[in-house]
Every structure is written in structure tokens, then in C-alpha cells.
Amino acid sequence: MAARVLIIDTSVLCCLLNIPGKETCGSVDNRWDKARVEALLVSEKGSTLVLPLATIIETGNHISQAPGDRFTVATEFAKYLSATAEGASPWAAFTEQAVLWSSERLINLARDWPALAAAQISIGDATIKDVAEFYASASFEVEIVTGDAGLKSYQPIKKPPIPRRRSRP
């Protein structure tokens, strides 16, 4: 069985942090809030949690623009950033994503993103899609945890196991 990786999107991280004005996300039949995110984190013990760089930047922007006590929310967010940077279980160090920001990958993003933008896919979502594909190509079972149905549609499809041949006596 492949190890499981959860790619955490901005919308869900905002719910976890209870950022004012961003406490819930998703459609009526896929509603996320702090309690649901916390329940997921408990139920997914053994999975690796990944905060893509786009999620980090977008969440930080939402915190800095939120009404209320931004310092307290930013302090809570800083705990997740530190755990991620240190690779403290269950968080993955985001240094593994460095390959996604190479010159070659940026050229590919420059080539591909205009068509995605025309389809209303943000550059942040495009890079989150790339993070998911990166882990899937390394044989991880990947889930994009998001309230955004459009981004969720880019979740890599789980590959069926390859049948093993039995050796003959």
C-alpha cells in the first residue's frame, strides 16, 4: 500500500485557522469548517500533510487582510509553518517541492498557465496541482484537501496495483 499524502489547500487551511470571513468553504454538500478539518487530521494519522508554497502565501495574505486579531491567527499559522519547515510529523518539509520551482518547471508553468487562466484556474491552484502530481509520480496516494471543486478535479487518480505473477514450482 502506498503512503498517503494530503495536499492542504488554502480554503481548508483558512478553516482550520478560523480566519475571520474564511471560517467555512466548499459547497453545501462538501462544507468544510474547523471541526471537520480537525476531524480529518485525527482520522488521517499516518498520512503526510503538505502545505504547498501557494497555500502558505495565499493563507498569509488572507490573515494579513482579515478583520480582528491578526496577530493571534498569524501566531497559530506560524506553528504550522514551523512544523512544515522542520518536517515534524505529520507535516512534510516543503523543501521537497523545490524541484517544482526550477527554471524548467517555471518555463512549463509559463507555457501552460495562460490556458488554465482562461479556464479560471488560478496560478496558485496550478502550482498546487503540480505538487499533487509530484507526489503521485513518486507512487504516493494523493488527496487534495480543498473546498474548491475545480481544484479537487485535478487530484491525481489512484493507480490500481500491478498484479504479481506467481512463481511456478
Protein backbone atom coordinates (compact mmCIF):
# COMPACT_ATOMS: atom_id res chain seq x y z
CA MET A 1 0.00 0.00 0.00
CA ALA A 2 1.34 3.40 -0.99
CA ALA A 3 1.87 6.06 1.64
CA ARG A 4 -0.86 8.68 1.70
CA VAL A 5 -0.20 12.39 1.17
CA LEU A 6 -2.77 15.10 1.84
CA ILE A 7 -2.17 18.34 -0.05
CA ILE A 8 -3.78 21.09 2.05
CA ASP A 9 -5.38 23.90 0.05
CA THR A 10 -5.75 27.50 1.21
CA SER A 11 -9.52 27.21 1.65
CA VAL A 12 -9.19 24.34 4.14
CA LEU A 13 -6.22 25.86 5.98
CA CYS A 14 -8.21 29.08 6.41
CA CYS A 15 -10.99 27.00 8.03
CA LEU A 16 -8.50 25.27 10.35
CA LEU A 17 -7.13 28.64 11.43
CA ASN A 18 -10.66 30.10 11.72
CA ILE A 19 -9.64 33.21 9.79
CA PRO A 20 -12.45 35.76 10.12
CA GLY A 21 -14.55 35.70 6.94
CA LYS A 22 -12.93 32.41 5.85
CA GLU A 23 -14.28 30.08 8.58
CA THR A 24 -16.09 27.83 6.09
CA CYS A 25 -15.59 26.78 2.49
CA GLY A 26 -16.98 24.40 -0.06
CA SER A 27 -20.41 23.64 -1.45
CA VAL A 28 -23.44 22.74 0.64
CA ASP A 29 -22.73 19.02 0.20
CA ASN A 30 -18.98 19.44 0.83
CA ARG A 31 -18.86 22.07 3.59
CA TRP A 32 -15.59 22.49 5.48
CA ASP A 33 -15.15 24.19 8.85
CA LYS A 34 -12.60 24.00 11.68
CA ALA A 35 -14.25 20.94 13.28
CA ARG A 36 -14.26 18.99 10.00
CA VAL A 37 -10.60 19.82 9.29
CA GLU A 38 -9.58 18.81 12.82
CA ALA A 39 -11.55 15.54 12.46
CA LEU A 40 -9.77 14.84 9.17
CA LEU A 41 -6.37 15.41 10.77
CA VAL A 42 -7.23 12.93 13.54
CA SER A 43 -8.65 10.33 11.12
CA GLU A 44 -5.64 10.58 8.80
CA LYS A 45 -2.99 9.60 11.34
CA GLY A 46 -0.12 8.09 9.40
CA SER A 47 -0.68 10.33 6.38
CA THR A 48 1.76 13.07 5.44
CA LEU A 49 0.41 16.62 5.30
CA VAL A 50 1.81 19.02 2.73
CA LEU A 51 1.43 22.79 2.62
CA PRO A 52 2.24 23.92 -0.93
CA LEU A 53 4.01 27.24 -1.24
CA ALA A 54 0.90 28.73 -2.87
CA THR A 55 -1.18 27.71 0.17
CA ILE A 56 1.33 29.34 2.50
CA ILE A 57 1.41 32.62 0.57
CA GLU A 58 -2.36 32.82 -0.01
CA THR A 59 -3.16 31.98 3.64
CA GLY A 60 -0.69 34.59 4.86
CA ASN A 61 -2.35 37.16 2.62
CA HIS A 62 -5.81 36.26 3.98
CA ILE A 63 -4.56 36.59 7.56
CA SER A 64 -2.96 39.99 6.95
CA GLN A 65 -6.20 41.29 5.40
CA ALA A 66 -8.63 39.74 7.92
CA PRO A 67 -10.53 41.80 10.48
CA GLY A 68 -9.89 41.11 14.15
CA ASP A 69 -6.85 39.78 15.95
CA ARG A 70 -4.46 39.07 13.09
CA PHE A 71 -1.52 38.55 15.47
CA THR A 72 -3.15 35.58 17.22
CA VAL A 73 -4.15 33.93 13.93
CA ALA A 74 -0.70 34.59 12.46
CA THR A 75 0.92 33.06 15.54
CA GLU A 76 -1.18 29.90 15.12
CA PHE A 77 -0.27 29.78 11.42
CA ALA A 78 3.41 30.21 12.32
CA LYS A 79 3.21 26.95 14.32
CA TYR A 80 2.11 25.06 11.19
CA LEU A 81 4.81 26.78 9.12
CA SER A 82 7.50 25.76 11.61
CA ALA A 83 6.24 22.17 11.76
CA THR A 84 6.23 22.06 7.96
CA ALA A 85 9.71 23.57 7.61
CA GLU A 86 11.08 21.12 10.19
CA GLY A 87 9.26 18.16 8.65
CA ALA A 88 7.71 17.46 12.06
CA SER A 89 5.31 14.54 11.68
CA PRO A 90 2.76 14.55 10.12
CA TRP A 91 3.94 17.59 8.14
CA ALA A 92 6.30 17.27 5.16
CA ALA A 93 9.13 19.71 4.77
CA PHE A 94 8.30 21.83 1.76
CA THR A 95 11.90 21.63 0.59
CA GLU A 96 10.77 18.52 -1.31
CA GLN A 97 8.86 20.89 -3.56
CA ALA A 98 11.99 22.83 -4.58
CA VAL A 99 12.15 20.90 -7.84
CA LEU A 100 8.79 22.46 -8.79
CA TRP A 101 10.37 25.92 -8.80
CA SER A 102 13.32 25.07 -11.08
CA SER A 103 13.85 27.11 -14.25
CA GLU A 104 12.48 24.26 -16.36
CA ARG A 105 9.31 23.98 -14.26
CA LEU A 106 8.77 27.75 -14.31
CA ILE A 107 9.08 27.69 -18.10
CA ASN A 108 6.48 24.90 -18.21
CA LEU A 109 4.21 26.92 -15.92
CA ALA A 110 4.63 29.98 -18.16
CA ARG A 111 3.70 27.84 -21.16
CA ASP A 112 0.70 26.09 -19.56
CA TRP A 113 -0.79 28.71 -17.29
CA PRO A 114 -2.45 31.03 -19.84
CA ALA A 115 -4.81 28.22 -20.89
CA LEU A 116 -5.50 27.42 -17.23
CA ALA A 117 -6.16 31.11 -16.53
CA ALA A 118 -8.61 31.20 -19.43
CA ALA A 119 -10.39 28.30 -17.69
CA GLN A 120 -10.39 30.36 -14.44
CA ILE A 121 -7.71 28.26 -12.73
CA SER A 122 -5.51 30.50 -10.56
CA ILE A 123 -1.74 30.28 -10.72
CA GLY A 124 -1.83 29.13 -7.09
CA ASP A 125 -4.15 26.24 -7.99
CA ALA A 126 -1.95 25.40 -10.98
CA THR A 127 1.05 25.02 -8.69
CA ILE A 128 -0.96 23.02 -6.13
CA LYS A 129 -1.93 20.68 -8.99
CA ASP A 130 1.80 20.33 -9.76
CA VAL A 131 2.56 19.47 -6.12
CA ALA A 132 -0.11 16.74 -6.19
CA GLU A 133 1.29 15.34 -9.44
CA PHE A 134 4.82 15.43 -8.00
CA TYR A 135 3.82 13.21 -5.07
CA ALA A 136 1.65 10.94 -7.26
CA SER A 137 4.60 10.38 -9.62
CA ALA A 138 6.60 9.20 -6.58
CA SER A 139 3.94 6.49 -6.00
CA PHE A 140 2.12 8.19 -3.15
CA GLU A 141 -1.65 8.03 -2.83
CA VAL A 142 -2.56 11.73 -3.07
CA GLU A 143 -5.61 13.68 -1.99
CA ILE A 144 -6.06 17.42 -2.50
CA VAL A 145 -7.96 18.57 0.59
CA THR A 146 -10.00 21.53 -0.60
CA GLY A 147 -13.43 23.06 -0.66
CA ASP A 148 -12.86 24.06 -4.30
CA ALA A 149 -14.46 21.52 -6.66
CA GLY A 150 -12.43 22.85 -9.59
CA LEU A 151 -9.12 22.25 -7.83
CA LYS A 152 -10.33 18.88 -6.49
CA SER A 153 -10.91 17.77 -10.09
CA TYR A 154 -7.12 17.92 -10.60
CA GLN A 155 -6.50 15.33 -7.88
CA PRO A 156 -4.38 12.52 -9.34
CA ILE A 157 -6.27 9.31 -9.98
CA LYS A 158 -5.21 6.43 -7.77
CA LYS A 159 -3.45 3.82 -9.88
CA PRO A 160 -4.59 0.23 -9.44
CA PRO A 161 -1.99 -2.15 -8.03
CA ILE A 162 0.00 -4.13 -10.56
CA PRO A 163 -0.82 -7.84 -10.25
CA ARG A 164 2.10 -10.01 -9.29
CA ARG A 165 2.84 -13.23 -11.06
CA ARG A 166 3.08 -16.34 -9.03
CA SER A 167 6.26 -18.23 -9.48
CA ARG A 168 5.98 -21.77 -10.74
CA PRO A 169 7.31 -24.63 -8.63
